[in-house]
């Protein structure tokens, strides 16, 4: 586990072969970190679902798994998602994430900072 926090956070598509092998060997152990990692990876699949109905069924299964994981932080994250349930499913209607708004906001903040300069 030493020197591995970055492996758990890094996108799987950008792992080197050596990093991928190390992560797979760690994931084989019954570690809390490995369970949390698997729960995180499965949640990312929500946005690959074809429509809102399938996505909702998928998220309900994920939510049950996450809340029964006995991992405090995962349970808190799952409950946060549950509180924002409708907002999560609005993505299926609009296909727009908050990232676009956040990017626009950063441009406004940078312009304000330059104007003060």
N, C-alpha and C. Protein backbone atom coordinates (compact mmCIF):
# COMPACT_ATOMS: atom_id res chain seq x y z
N UNK A 1 0.82 -1.20 0.00
CA UNK A 1 0.00 0.00 0.00
C UNK A 1 0.86 1.26 0.00
N UNK A 2 2.10 1.12 0.43
CA UNK A 2 2.97 2.29 0.49
C UNK A 2 3.19 2.85 -0.92
N UNK A 3 3.14 4.17 -1.02
CA UNK A 3 3.36 4.88 -2.29
C UNK A 3 2.34 4.54 -3.38
N UNK A 4 1.10 4.22 -2.98
CA UNK A 4 0.10 3.87 -3.98
C UNK A 4 -1.11 4.81 -4.05
N UNK A 5 -1.23 5.86 -3.24
CA UNK A 5 -2.45 6.68 -3.30
C UNK A 5 -2.75 7.20 -4.70
N UNK A 6 -1.73 7.57 -5.43
CA UNK A 6 -1.94 8.12 -6.77
C UNK A 6 -2.54 7.06 -7.71
N UNK A 7 -2.16 5.81 -7.52
CA UNK A 7 -2.69 4.75 -8.37
C UNK A 7 -4.20 4.61 -8.24
N UNK A 8 -4.71 4.75 -7.02
CA UNK A 8 -6.14 4.59 -6.78
C UNK A 8 -6.94 5.75 -7.39
N UNK A 9 -6.30 6.91 -7.50
CA UNK A 9 -7.00 8.10 -7.98
C UNK A 9 -6.86 8.33 -9.48
N UNK A 10 -5.82 7.79 -10.06
CA UNK A 10 -5.53 8.04 -11.47
C UNK A 10 -6.53 7.32 -12.37
N UNK A 11 -6.89 7.96 -13.47
CA UNK A 11 -7.79 7.36 -14.45
C UNK A 11 -7.14 6.09 -15.01
N UNK A 12 -7.91 5.01 -15.07
CA UNK A 12 -7.36 3.72 -15.53
C UNK A 12 -6.78 3.80 -16.93
N UNK A 13 -7.33 4.67 -17.76
CA UNK A 13 -6.85 4.78 -19.14
C UNK A 13 -5.43 5.32 -19.22
N UNK A 14 -4.97 5.99 -18.19
CA UNK A 14 -3.65 6.63 -18.22
C UNK A 14 -2.61 5.90 -17.37
N UNK A 15 -2.94 4.73 -16.88
CA UNK A 15 -1.97 3.95 -16.10
C UNK A 15 -0.95 3.30 -17.03
N UNK A 16 0.29 3.25 -16.59
CA UNK A 16 1.30 2.49 -17.33
C UNK A 16 1.06 1.01 -17.07
N UNK A 17 1.71 0.16 -17.83
CA UNK A 17 1.55 -1.29 -17.62
C UNK A 17 1.99 -1.69 -16.22
N UNK A 18 3.08 -1.11 -15.77
CA UNK A 18 3.59 -1.42 -14.42
C UNK A 18 2.59 -0.98 -13.36
N UNK A 19 2.03 0.21 -13.51
CA UNK A 19 1.04 0.71 -12.55
C UNK A 19 -0.22 -0.16 -12.57
N UNK A 20 -0.62 -0.56 -13.76
CA UNK A 20 -1.82 -1.40 -13.90
C UNK A 20 -1.63 -2.74 -13.20
N UNK A 21 -0.45 -3.35 -13.39
CA UNK A 21 -0.18 -4.63 -12.73
C UNK A 21 -0.18 -4.48 -11.21
N UNK A 22 0.44 -3.41 -10.71
CA UNK A 22 0.48 -3.19 -9.27
C UNK A 22 -0.92 -2.98 -8.71
N UNK A 23 -1.73 -2.21 -9.41
CA UNK A 23 -3.09 -1.95 -8.96
C UNK A 23 -3.92 -3.23 -8.96
N UNK A 24 -3.76 -4.06 -9.99
CA UNK A 24 -4.49 -5.32 -10.04
C UNK A 24 -4.08 -6.26 -8.91
N UNK A 25 -2.80 -6.26 -8.58
CA UNK A 25 -2.36 -7.13 -7.48
C UNK A 25 -2.90 -6.63 -6.14
N UNK A 26 -2.97 -5.32 -5.98
CA UNK A 26 -3.53 -4.77 -4.74
C UNK A 26 -5.03 -4.99 -4.66
N UNK A 27 -5.71 -4.88 -5.79
CA UNK A 27 -7.17 -5.04 -5.82
C UNK A 27 -7.57 -6.48 -5.48
N UNK A 28 -6.67 -7.42 -5.65
CA UNK A 28 -6.97 -8.82 -5.35
C UNK A 28 -7.08 -9.07 -3.85
N UNK A 29 -6.46 -8.22 -3.05
CA UNK A 29 -6.54 -8.37 -1.60
C UNK A 29 -7.88 -7.84 -1.11
N UNK A 30 -8.32 -8.33 0.02
CA UNK A 30 -9.58 -7.87 0.60
C UNK A 30 -9.33 -6.62 1.42
N UNK A 31 -8.96 -5.53 0.75
CA UNK A 31 -8.66 -4.27 1.41
C UNK A 31 -9.86 -3.33 1.31
N UNK A 32 -10.03 -2.50 2.32
CA UNK A 32 -11.10 -1.49 2.25
C UNK A 32 -10.87 -0.56 1.07
N UNK A 33 -9.62 -0.23 0.84
CA UNK A 33 -9.28 0.66 -0.27
C UNK A 33 -9.67 0.02 -1.60
N UNK A 34 -9.44 -1.25 -1.74
CA UNK A 34 -9.79 -1.95 -2.98
C UNK A 34 -11.30 -1.98 -3.17
N UNK A 35 -12.05 -2.19 -2.09
CA UNK A 35 -13.52 -2.17 -2.20
C UNK A 35 -14.01 -0.79 -2.59
N UNK A 36 -13.46 0.24 -1.96
CA UNK A 36 -13.85 1.61 -2.29
C UNK A 36 -13.52 1.92 -3.75
N UNK A 37 -12.39 1.45 -4.21
CA UNK A 37 -11.98 1.65 -5.60
C UNK A 37 -12.97 1.01 -6.56
N UNK A 38 -13.39 -0.21 -6.28
CA UNK A 38 -14.35 -0.89 -7.13
C UNK A 38 -15.69 -0.15 -7.16
N UNK A 39 -16.13 0.33 -6.02
CA UNK A 39 -17.39 1.08 -5.94
C UNK A 39 -17.28 2.35 -6.77
N UNK A 40 -16.14 3.01 -6.70
CA UNK A 40 -15.91 4.23 -7.49
C UNK A 40 -15.94 3.94 -8.98
N UNK A 41 -15.28 2.87 -9.40
CA UNK A 41 -15.24 2.52 -10.82
C UNK A 41 -16.64 2.20 -11.36
N UNK A 42 -17.41 1.49 -10.58
CA UNK A 42 -18.75 1.13 -11.03
C UNK A 42 -19.62 2.38 -11.15
N UNK A 43 -19.48 3.33 -10.24
CA UNK A 43 -20.28 4.56 -10.31
C UNK A 43 -20.00 5.32 -11.60
N UNK A 44 -18.76 5.30 -12.07
CA UNK A 44 -18.42 5.99 -13.32
C UNK A 44 -19.20 5.44 -14.50
N UNK A 45 -19.65 4.20 -14.41
CA UNK A 45 -20.41 3.58 -15.49
C UNK A 45 -21.84 4.14 -15.61
N UNK A 46 -22.28 4.90 -14.62
CA UNK A 46 -23.62 5.49 -14.67
C UNK A 46 -23.80 6.29 -15.95
N UNK A 47 -22.80 7.06 -16.31
CA UNK A 47 -22.93 7.95 -17.46
C UNK A 47 -22.76 7.23 -18.79
N UNK A 48 -22.58 5.92 -18.75
CA UNK A 48 -22.54 5.12 -19.96
C UNK A 48 -23.88 4.44 -20.22
N UNK A 49 -24.83 4.63 -19.31
CA UNK A 49 -26.14 4.00 -19.45
C UNK A 49 -26.91 4.67 -20.59
N UNK A 50 -27.72 3.90 -21.33
CA UNK A 50 -28.35 4.44 -22.54
C UNK A 50 -29.46 5.46 -22.31
N UNK A 51 -30.16 5.38 -21.17
CA UNK A 51 -31.24 6.33 -20.92
C UNK A 51 -31.49 6.48 -19.42
N UNK A 52 -32.40 7.37 -19.10
CA UNK A 52 -32.68 7.71 -17.70
C UNK A 52 -33.20 6.52 -16.91
N UNK A 53 -34.10 5.74 -17.49
CA UNK A 53 -34.70 4.61 -16.77
C UNK A 53 -33.65 3.56 -16.41
N UNK A 54 -32.82 3.22 -17.37
CA UNK A 54 -31.75 2.24 -17.12
C UNK A 54 -30.75 2.83 -16.12
N UNK A 55 -30.46 4.12 -16.28
CA UNK A 55 -29.55 4.80 -15.36
C UNK A 55 -30.07 4.81 -13.94
N UNK A 56 -31.38 5.02 -13.80
CA UNK A 56 -31.96 5.04 -12.45
C UNK A 56 -31.89 3.67 -11.80
N UNK A 57 -32.19 2.63 -12.56
CA UNK A 57 -32.08 1.26 -12.03
C UNK A 57 -30.63 0.95 -11.65
N UNK A 58 -29.71 1.38 -12.50
CA UNK A 58 -28.28 1.17 -12.23
C UNK A 58 -27.88 1.87 -10.94
N UNK A 59 -28.29 3.13 -10.79
CA UNK A 59 -27.88 3.90 -9.61
C UNK A 59 -28.53 3.36 -8.33
N UNK A 60 -29.74 2.85 -8.44
CA UNK A 60 -30.37 2.24 -7.26
C UNK A 60 -29.58 1.04 -6.77
N UNK A 61 -29.12 0.19 -7.72
CA UNK A 61 -28.30 -0.97 -7.34
C UNK A 61 -26.97 -0.51 -6.74
N UNK A 62 -26.36 0.50 -7.38
CA UNK A 62 -25.09 1.02 -6.86
C UNK A 62 -25.27 1.60 -5.47
N UNK A 63 -26.34 2.37 -5.27
CA UNK A 63 -26.60 3.00 -3.97
C UNK A 63 -26.74 1.93 -2.89
N UNK A 64 -27.47 0.86 -3.17
CA UNK A 64 -27.63 -0.22 -2.19
C UNK A 64 -26.27 -0.82 -1.84
N UNK A 65 -25.47 -1.09 -2.87
CA UNK A 65 -24.13 -1.66 -2.66
C UNK A 65 -23.28 -0.72 -1.83
N UNK A 66 -23.28 0.56 -2.17
CA UNK A 66 -22.44 1.54 -1.48
C UNK A 66 -22.86 1.71 -0.03
N UNK A 67 -24.16 1.77 0.23
CA UNK A 67 -24.62 1.99 1.61
C UNK A 67 -24.46 0.74 2.47
N UNK A 68 -24.26 -0.40 1.86
CA UNK A 68 -24.02 -1.62 2.63
C UNK A 68 -22.55 -2.04 2.60
N UNK A 69 -21.69 -1.15 2.17
CA UNK A 69 -20.27 -1.47 2.03
C UNK A 69 -19.50 -1.43 3.36
N UNK A 70 -20.10 -0.83 4.37
CA UNK A 70 -19.46 -0.63 5.68
C UNK A 70 -18.21 0.25 5.58
N UNK A 71 -18.19 1.11 4.57
CA UNK A 71 -17.11 2.08 4.41
C UNK A 71 -17.72 3.47 4.63
N UNK A 72 -17.35 4.09 5.73
CA UNK A 72 -17.97 5.35 6.16
C UNK A 72 -18.00 6.42 5.06
N UNK A 73 -16.88 6.64 4.42
CA UNK A 73 -16.82 7.70 3.41
C UNK A 73 -17.64 7.36 2.17
N UNK A 74 -17.68 6.11 1.81
CA UNK A 74 -18.49 5.69 0.67
C UNK A 74 -19.97 5.87 1.00
N UNK A 75 -20.36 5.53 2.20
CA UNK A 75 -21.75 5.70 2.62
C UNK A 75 -22.13 7.17 2.60
N UNK A 76 -21.23 8.04 3.09
CA UNK A 76 -21.51 9.48 3.04
C UNK A 76 -21.65 9.98 1.61
N UNK A 77 -20.76 9.51 0.73
CA UNK A 77 -20.84 9.92 -0.68
C UNK A 77 -22.14 9.43 -1.31
N UNK A 78 -22.53 8.21 -1.01
CA UNK A 78 -23.78 7.66 -1.55
C UNK A 78 -24.98 8.47 -1.06
N UNK A 79 -24.97 8.85 0.19
CA UNK A 79 -26.08 9.65 0.73
C UNK A 79 -26.10 11.05 0.11
N UNK A 80 -24.96 11.60 -0.19
CA UNK A 80 -24.90 12.89 -0.88
C UNK A 80 -25.52 12.77 -2.27
N UNK A 81 -25.19 11.70 -2.97
CA UNK A 81 -25.78 11.47 -4.28
C UNK A 81 -27.28 11.29 -4.16
N UNK A 82 -27.72 10.58 -3.15
CA UNK A 82 -29.16 10.35 -2.94
C UNK A 82 -29.89 11.68 -2.73
N UNK A 83 -29.28 12.60 -1.98
CA UNK A 83 -29.90 13.91 -1.75
C UNK A 83 -30.02 14.71 -3.04
N UNK A 84 -29.16 14.43 -4.00
CA UNK A 84 -29.16 15.16 -5.27
C UNK A 84 -29.62 14.27 -6.43
N UNK A 85 -30.42 13.29 -6.11
CA UNK A 85 -30.88 12.27 -7.04
C UNK A 85 -31.41 12.86 -8.35
N UNK A 86 -32.34 13.79 -8.25
CA UNK A 86 -32.96 14.38 -9.46
C UNK A 86 -31.93 15.11 -10.31
N UNK A 87 -31.03 15.84 -9.67
CA UNK A 87 -29.99 16.55 -10.40
C UNK A 87 -29.09 15.61 -11.18
N UNK A 88 -28.80 14.45 -10.59
CA UNK A 88 -27.97 13.46 -11.28
C UNK A 88 -28.69 12.97 -12.53
N UNK A 89 -29.99 12.73 -12.42
CA UNK A 89 -30.73 12.19 -13.57
C UNK A 89 -31.07 13.26 -14.60
N UNK A 90 -30.97 14.52 -14.24
CA UNK A 90 -31.15 15.57 -15.24
C UNK A 90 -30.08 15.50 -16.31
N UNK A 91 -28.94 14.90 -15.98
CA UNK A 91 -27.87 14.75 -16.97
C UNK A 91 -28.37 13.96 -18.18
N UNK A 92 -29.20 12.95 -17.94
CA UNK A 92 -29.70 12.14 -19.05
C UNK A 92 -30.56 12.95 -20.01
N UNK A 93 -31.22 14.00 -19.50
CA UNK A 93 -32.05 14.85 -20.35
C UNK A 93 -31.22 15.88 -21.10
N UNK A 94 -30.25 16.48 -20.41
CA UNK A 94 -29.50 17.59 -21.01
C UNK A 94 -28.13 17.20 -21.54
N UNK A 95 -27.53 16.15 -20.99
CA UNK A 95 -26.16 15.72 -21.32
C UNK A 95 -25.14 16.83 -21.05
N UNK A 96 -25.48 17.74 -20.15
CA UNK A 96 -24.58 18.83 -19.78
C UNK A 96 -24.16 18.61 -18.33
N UNK A 97 -22.88 18.75 -18.07
CA UNK A 97 -22.39 18.63 -16.70
C UNK A 97 -22.11 20.01 -16.14
N UNK A 98 -21.86 20.07 -14.88
CA UNK A 98 -21.54 21.33 -14.20
C UNK A 98 -20.16 21.83 -14.63
N UNK A 99 -19.37 20.98 -15.25
CA UNK A 99 -18.03 21.36 -15.69
C UNK A 99 -18.03 22.56 -16.62
N UNK A 100 -19.02 22.64 -17.50
CA UNK A 100 -19.12 23.77 -18.42
C UNK A 100 -19.31 25.07 -17.64
N UNK A 101 -20.20 25.04 -16.66
CA UNK A 101 -20.43 26.23 -15.85
C UNK A 101 -19.22 26.59 -15.00
N UNK A 102 -18.56 25.57 -14.48
CA UNK A 102 -17.36 25.82 -13.67
C UNK A 102 -16.26 26.46 -14.51
N UNK A 103 -16.12 26.01 -15.75
CA UNK A 103 -15.12 26.59 -16.65
C UNK A 103 -15.43 28.05 -16.95
N UNK A 104 -16.70 28.33 -17.19
CA UNK A 104 -17.11 29.71 -17.45
C UNK A 104 -16.86 30.58 -16.21
N UNK A 105 -17.18 30.05 -15.05
CA UNK A 105 -16.96 30.78 -13.80
C UNK A 105 -15.48 31.09 -13.60
N UNK A 106 -14.60 30.16 -13.94
CA UNK A 106 -13.17 30.42 -13.75
C UNK A 106 -12.70 31.54 -14.68
N UNK A 107 -13.28 31.61 -15.88
CA UNK A 107 -12.93 32.70 -16.79
C UNK A 107 -13.38 34.05 -16.23
N UNK A 108 -14.57 34.09 -15.66
CA UNK A 108 -15.08 35.32 -15.05
C UNK A 108 -14.20 35.74 -13.89
N UNK A 109 -13.83 34.78 -13.04
CA UNK A 109 -12.98 35.08 -11.88
C UNK A 109 -11.61 35.58 -12.31
N UNK A 110 -11.05 35.00 -13.37
CA UNK A 110 -9.75 35.45 -13.87
C UNK A 110 -9.85 36.88 -14.42
N UNK A 111 -10.93 37.17 -15.13
CA UNK A 111 -11.12 38.52 -15.66
C UNK A 111 -11.27 39.52 -14.52
N UNK A 112 -11.97 39.16 -13.48
CA UNK A 112 -12.12 40.05 -12.32
C UNK A 112 -10.78 40.29 -11.65
N UNK A 113 -9.97 39.25 -11.53
CA UNK A 113 -8.66 39.40 -10.90
C UNK A 113 -7.75 40.31 -11.74
N UNK A 114 -7.79 40.17 -13.06
CA UNK A 114 -6.99 41.02 -13.94
C UNK A 114 -7.45 42.46 -13.87
N UNK A 115 -8.74 42.69 -13.74
CA UNK A 115 -9.29 44.04 -13.70
C UNK A 115 -8.84 44.78 -12.43
N UNK A 116 -8.61 44.04 -11.37
CA UNK A 116 -8.16 44.66 -10.11
C UNK A 116 -6.69 45.06 -10.20
N UNK A 117 -5.93 44.33 -11.02
CA UNK A 117 -4.49 44.42 -11.10
C UNK A 117 -3.90 45.72 -11.34
